[in-house]
Amino acid sequence: MLRILMVGAAIVAAMIFAQREHWLARAGLVGNCRTITAPLGDTAQWWSCRQGVLTGFPVLTRHDCDEHGIVLGRELWRCATPLESAPGGVF
């Protein structure tokens, strides 16, 4: 019984560490986004999102963002209201 608890605790610790270090995003398993420079004269926040193997592209419509197409394999989003954190991931 003690071994089962130890293995379970080790798995939980590994999952928390993987989330904090963004291993899944770096491995390309989950989609992630980063901010990019807005076009000249546009005051909105722009995001460039990479597709993940397991999750696809992150969807930013629930954050009141508009999709502006795919350029060089990255999906571009325009958010009128700045987001507090980078979208993407599974946690």
C-alpha atoms as a PDB file:
ATOM      1  CA  MET A   1       0.000   0.000   0.000  1.00  0.00           C
ATOM      2  CA  LEU A   2       2.853   2.362   0.839  1.00  0.00           C
ATOM      3  CA  ARG A   3       4.448   1.731  -2.573  1.00  0.00           C
ATOM      4  CA  ILE A   4       1.213   2.666  -4.347  1.00  0.00           C
ATOM      5  CA  LEU A   5       1.022   5.928  -2.413  1.00  0.00           C
ATOM      6  CA  MET A   6       4.682   6.696  -3.146  1.00  0.00           C
ATOM      7  CA  VAL A   7       4.244   6.050  -6.876  1.00  0.00           C
ATOM      8  CA  GLY A   8       1.078   8.174  -6.927  1.00  0.00           C
ATOM      9  CA  ALA A   9       2.847  11.031  -5.158  1.00  0.00           C
ATOM     10  CA  ALA A  10       5.767  10.795  -7.593  1.00  0.00           C
ATOM     11  CA  ILE A  11       3.407  10.943 -10.588  1.00  0.00           C
ATOM     12  CA  VAL A  12       1.596  13.991  -9.188  1.00  0.00           C
ATOM     13  CA  ALA A  13       4.913  15.722  -8.474  1.00  0.00           C
ATOM     14  CA  ALA A  14       6.151  14.996 -12.007  1.00  0.00           C
ATOM     15  CA  MET A  15       2.934  16.389 -13.520  1.00  0.00           C
ATOM     16  CA  ILE A  16       3.195  19.590 -11.471  1.00  0.00           C
ATOM     17  CA  PHE A  17       6.859  20.006 -12.408  1.00  0.00           C
ATOM     18  CA  ALA A  18       6.083  19.375 -16.101  1.00  0.00           C
ATOM     19  CA  GLN A  19       3.355  22.024 -16.015  1.00  0.00           C
ATOM     20  CA  ARG A  20       5.593  24.622 -14.370  1.00  0.00           C
ATOM     21  CA  GLU A  21       8.405  23.971 -16.842  1.00  0.00           C
ATOM     22  CA  HIS A  22       6.027  23.886 -19.858  1.00  0.00           C
ATOM     23  CA  TRP A  23       7.383  20.529 -21.054  1.00  0.00           C
ATOM     24  CA  LEU A  24       4.244  19.630 -23.007  1.00  0.00           C
ATOM     25  CA  ALA A  25       4.247  22.927 -24.913  1.00  0.00           C
ATOM     26  CA  ARG A  26       7.969  22.718 -25.683  1.00  0.00           C
ATOM     27  CA  ALA A  27       7.514  19.156 -26.932  1.00  0.00           C
ATOM     28  CA  GLY A  28       4.747  20.371 -29.258  1.00  0.00           C
ATOM     29  CA  LEU A  29       2.049  18.245 -27.626  1.00  0.00           C
ATOM     30  CA  VAL A  30      -0.156  21.184 -26.601  1.00  0.00           C
ATOM     31  CA  GLY A  31      -0.673  24.468 -28.408  1.00  0.00           C
ATOM     32  CA  ASN A  32       0.755  27.666 -27.011  1.00  0.00           C
ATOM     33  CA  CYS A  33       0.775  31.373 -27.798  1.00  0.00           C
ATOM     34  CA  ARG A  34       3.108  34.322 -27.509  1.00  0.00           C
ATOM     35  CA  THR A  35       2.552  38.035 -27.973  1.00  0.00           C
ATOM     36  CA  ILE A  36       3.702  39.697 -31.166  1.00  0.00           C
ATOM     37  CA  THR A  37       4.068  43.301 -32.236  1.00  0.00           C
ATOM     38  CA  ALA A  38       0.789  44.862 -33.329  1.00  0.00           C
ATOM     39  CA  PRO A  39       0.501  46.412 -36.794  1.00  0.00           C
ATOM     40  CA  LEU A  40       1.297  50.128 -36.942  1.00  0.00           C
ATOM     41  CA  GLY A  41      -1.511  52.182 -35.428  1.00  0.00           C
ATOM     42  CA  ASP A  42      -3.271  49.224 -33.782  1.00  0.00           C
ATOM     43  CA  THR A  43      -3.447  49.411 -29.981  1.00  0.00           C
ATOM     44  CA  ALA A  44      -4.840  45.890 -29.466  1.00  0.00           C
ATOM     45  CA  GLN A  45      -2.796  42.956 -28.177  1.00  0.00           C
ATOM     46  CA  TRP A  46      -1.810  40.422 -30.866  1.00  0.00           C
ATOM     47  CA  TRP A  47      -1.009  36.742 -30.261  1.00  0.00           C
ATOM     48  CA  SER A  48       0.737  34.181 -32.462  1.00  0.00           C
ATOM     49  CA  CYS A  49      -0.337  30.625 -31.579  1.00  0.00           C
ATOM     50  CA  ARG A  50       1.333  27.321 -32.438  1.00  0.00           C
ATOM     51  CA  GLN A  51      -0.691  24.170 -32.991  1.00  0.00           C
ATOM     52  CA  GLY A  52      -0.251  21.280 -30.573  1.00  0.00           C
ATOM     53  CA  VAL A  53      -0.370  17.620 -31.612  1.00  0.00           C
ATOM     54  CA  LEU A  54      -2.910  16.734 -28.899  1.00  0.00           C
ATOM     55  CA  THR A  55      -4.861  19.983 -28.513  1.00  0.00           C
ATOM     56  CA  GLY A  56      -4.623  21.784 -31.848  1.00  0.00           C
ATOM     57  CA  PHE A  57      -4.551  25.584 -31.874  1.00  0.00           C
ATOM     58  CA  PRO A  58      -5.583  27.395 -28.686  1.00  0.00           C
ATOM     59  CA  VAL A  59      -8.990  29.071 -29.111  1.00  0.00           C
ATOM     60  CA  LEU A  60      -9.095  32.670 -27.918  1.00  0.00           C
ATOM     61  CA  THR A  61     -12.703  33.519 -28.823  1.00  0.00           C
ATOM     62  CA  ARG A  62     -13.803  33.180 -25.195  1.00  0.00           C
ATOM     63  CA  HIS A  63     -11.308  35.952 -24.364  1.00  0.00           C
ATOM     64  CA  ASP A  64     -13.056  38.302 -26.825  1.00  0.00           C
ATOM     65  CA  CYS A  65     -10.336  37.891 -29.474  1.00  0.00           C
ATOM     66  CA  ASP A  66     -10.704  37.757 -33.270  1.00  0.00           C
ATOM     67  CA  GLU A  67      -8.843  35.246 -35.437  1.00  0.00           C
ATOM     68  CA  HIS A  68      -6.887  36.785 -38.332  1.00  0.00           C
ATOM     69  CA  GLY A  69      -5.716  33.721 -40.255  1.00  0.00           C
ATOM     70  CA  ILE A  70      -2.717  31.412 -40.306  1.00  0.00           C
ATOM     71  CA  VAL A  71       0.710  32.690 -41.343  1.00  0.00           C
ATOM     72  CA  LEU A  72       3.723  30.372 -41.566  1.00  0.00           C
ATOM     73  CA  GLY A  73       1.942  27.679 -39.550  1.00  0.00           C
ATOM     74  CA  ARG A  74       0.964  30.018 -36.698  1.00  0.00           C
ATOM     75  CA  GLU A  75      -2.551  31.287 -36.045  1.00  0.00           C
ATOM     76  CA  LEU A  76      -2.825  35.048 -35.457  1.00  0.00           C
ATOM     77  CA  TRP A  77      -5.302  36.528 -32.971  1.00  0.00           C
ATOM     78  CA  ARG A  78      -6.201  40.147 -32.177  1.00  0.00           C
ATOM     79  CA  CYS A  79      -7.456  40.827 -28.640  1.00  0.00           C
ATOM     80  CA  ALA A  80      -9.042  44.215 -27.971  1.00  0.00           C
ATOM     81  CA  THR A  81      -8.586  43.684 -24.229  1.00  0.00           C
ATOM     82  CA  PRO A  82      -5.101  42.525 -23.123  1.00  0.00           C
ATOM     83  CA  LEU A  83      -4.983  39.000 -21.698  1.00  0.00           C
ATOM     84  CA  GLU A  84      -3.510  38.500 -18.232  1.00  0.00           C
ATOM     85  CA  SER A  85      -1.617  35.318 -19.119  1.00  0.00           C
ATOM     86  CA  ALA A  86      -0.497  33.407 -22.188  1.00  0.00           C
ATOM     87  CA  PRO A  87      -3.217  31.131 -23.567  1.00  0.00           C
ATOM     88  CA  GLY A  88      -2.645  27.463 -24.340  1.00  0.00           C
ATOM     89  CA  GLY A  89      -1.774  24.296 -22.512  1.00  0.00           C
ATOM     90  CA  VAL A  90      -3.982  21.713 -20.859  1.00  0.00           C
ATOM     91  CA  PHE A  91      -3.691  22.616 -17.163  1.00  0.00           C
END
